[in-house]
Amino acid sequence: AKSGRLKAGDLEGGAVSVSNIGMAGIDSVAPIISPPQSAILGVGATREVFRPDEAGAPKLHREIVLTLACDHRIFDGMGAARFLAAIARGLEAPH
């Protein structure tokens, strides 16, 4: 893209897939990127777990495992981490 040599076919189709294995009750998934896509987000099932609150007392939380696999020719690690963090923030506070 930086060299200006992209063709129309290079821009077709999706860039990121979502593998929602969580709807089958699976806690986590190690997704595999399907070319020509650049990344895939694996979504696990929601689960209820106890985590300590600020005072150290157990508090029930709903959690979900998200796994992002990226083509490192397109994403660097920090860019992928920022993308995954943005997804997490959106899920934690959708409004």
Protein backbone atom coordinates (compact mmCIF):
# COMPACT_ATOMS: atom_id res chain seq x y z
CA ALA A 1 0.00 0.00 0.00
CA LYS A 2 2.82 2.42 0.86
CA SER A 3 4.44 1.92 -2.54
CA GLY A 4 1.15 2.57 -4.39
CA ARG A 5 1.04 -0.83 -6.09
CA LEU A 6 -2.25 -2.19 -4.73
CA LYS A 7 -4.69 -3.61 -7.26
CA ALA A 8 -8.48 -3.65 -6.90
CA GLY A 9 -8.35 -7.37 -6.07
CA ASP A 10 -6.03 -6.64 -3.17
CA LEU A 11 -8.79 -4.61 -1.51
CA GLU A 12 -11.66 -7.10 -1.83
CA GLY A 13 -13.13 -9.21 0.94
CA GLY A 14 -12.85 -8.85 4.67
CA ALA A 15 -9.77 -7.82 6.57
CA VAL A 16 -10.61 -9.36 9.94
CA SER A 17 -12.68 -12.47 10.73
CA VAL A 18 -14.46 -13.42 13.94
CA SER A 19 -14.55 -17.02 15.16
CA ASN A 20 -17.32 -17.22 17.76
CA ILE A 21 -16.71 -20.67 19.19
CA GLY A 22 -18.09 -19.42 22.51
CA MET A 23 -21.66 -19.91 21.32
CA ALA A 24 -20.89 -23.66 21.45
CA GLY A 25 -19.82 -23.34 25.10
CA ILE A 26 -16.06 -23.46 24.42
CA ASP A 27 -14.05 -21.20 26.75
CA SER A 28 -11.27 -20.23 24.33
CA VAL A 29 -10.01 -20.81 20.81
CA ALA A 30 -6.73 -20.48 18.94
CA PRO A 31 -8.01 -19.13 15.61
CA ILE A 32 -6.14 -19.47 12.31
CA ILE A 33 -6.01 -16.60 9.81
CA SER A 34 -7.59 -17.33 6.42
CA PRO A 35 -5.70 -15.46 3.67
CA PRO A 36 -6.11 -12.81 2.36
CA GLN A 37 -7.39 -11.58 5.72
CA SER A 38 -5.00 -9.88 8.12
CA ALA A 39 -6.39 -11.06 11.46
CA ILE A 40 -8.95 -13.23 13.19
CA LEU A 41 -10.58 -12.68 16.57
CA GLY A 42 -11.44 -15.81 18.55
CA VAL A 43 -14.34 -15.33 20.97
CA GLY A 44 -14.86 -17.77 23.83
CA ALA A 45 -17.91 -18.41 25.98
CA THR A 46 -18.80 -16.06 28.81
CA ARG A 47 -18.17 -17.50 32.24
CA GLU A 48 -18.75 -16.39 35.80
CA VAL A 49 -15.67 -16.33 38.04
CA PHE A 50 -14.80 -14.89 41.42
CA ARG A 51 -12.06 -12.24 41.41
CA PRO A 52 -10.95 -10.11 44.36
CA ASP A 53 -12.37 -6.60 44.57
CA GLU A 54 -10.38 -3.55 45.75
CA ALA A 55 -10.59 -4.74 49.37
CA GLY A 56 -9.58 -8.30 48.49
CA ALA A 57 -13.05 -9.76 48.99
CA PRO A 58 -14.31 -12.19 46.33
CA LYS A 59 -16.65 -10.63 43.79
CA LEU A 60 -18.47 -12.42 40.99
CA HIS A 61 -17.49 -11.24 37.48
CA ARG A 62 -18.57 -12.24 33.97
CA GLU A 63 -15.55 -12.81 31.74
CA ILE A 64 -14.88 -13.77 28.16
CA VAL A 65 -11.63 -14.88 26.51
CA LEU A 66 -10.69 -12.98 23.34
CA THR A 67 -7.77 -14.24 21.23
CA LEU A 68 -6.44 -12.14 18.37
CA ALA A 69 -4.23 -13.79 15.74
CA CYS A 70 -2.57 -11.33 13.35
CA ASP A 71 -0.44 -11.46 10.24
CA HIS A 72 2.70 -9.71 11.47
CA ARG A 73 3.50 -8.55 7.96
CA ILE A 74 0.51 -6.22 8.40
CA PHE A 75 0.16 -5.70 12.18
CA ASP A 76 3.00 -5.18 14.58
CA GLY A 77 2.52 -6.49 18.10
CA MET A 78 1.68 -3.13 19.66
CA GLY A 79 -0.83 -2.27 16.94
CA ALA A 80 -2.53 -5.61 17.48
CA ALA A 81 -2.54 -5.05 21.26
CA ARG A 82 -4.14 -1.61 20.83
CA PHE A 83 -6.78 -3.10 18.49
CA LEU A 84 -7.61 -5.87 20.99
CA ALA A 85 -7.72 -3.35 23.87
CA ALA A 86 -10.17 -1.20 21.88
CA ILE A 87 -12.41 -4.22 21.35
CA ALA A 88 -12.27 -5.02 25.07
CA ARG A 89 -13.12 -1.41 26.01
CA GLY A 90 -16.10 -1.48 23.65
CA LEU A 91 -17.39 -4.68 25.17
CA GLU A 92 -16.90 -3.44 28.73
CA ALA A 93 -18.66 -0.11 28.08
CA PRO A 94 -20.78 -0.41 24.91
CA HIS A 95 -22.51 2.93 25.40
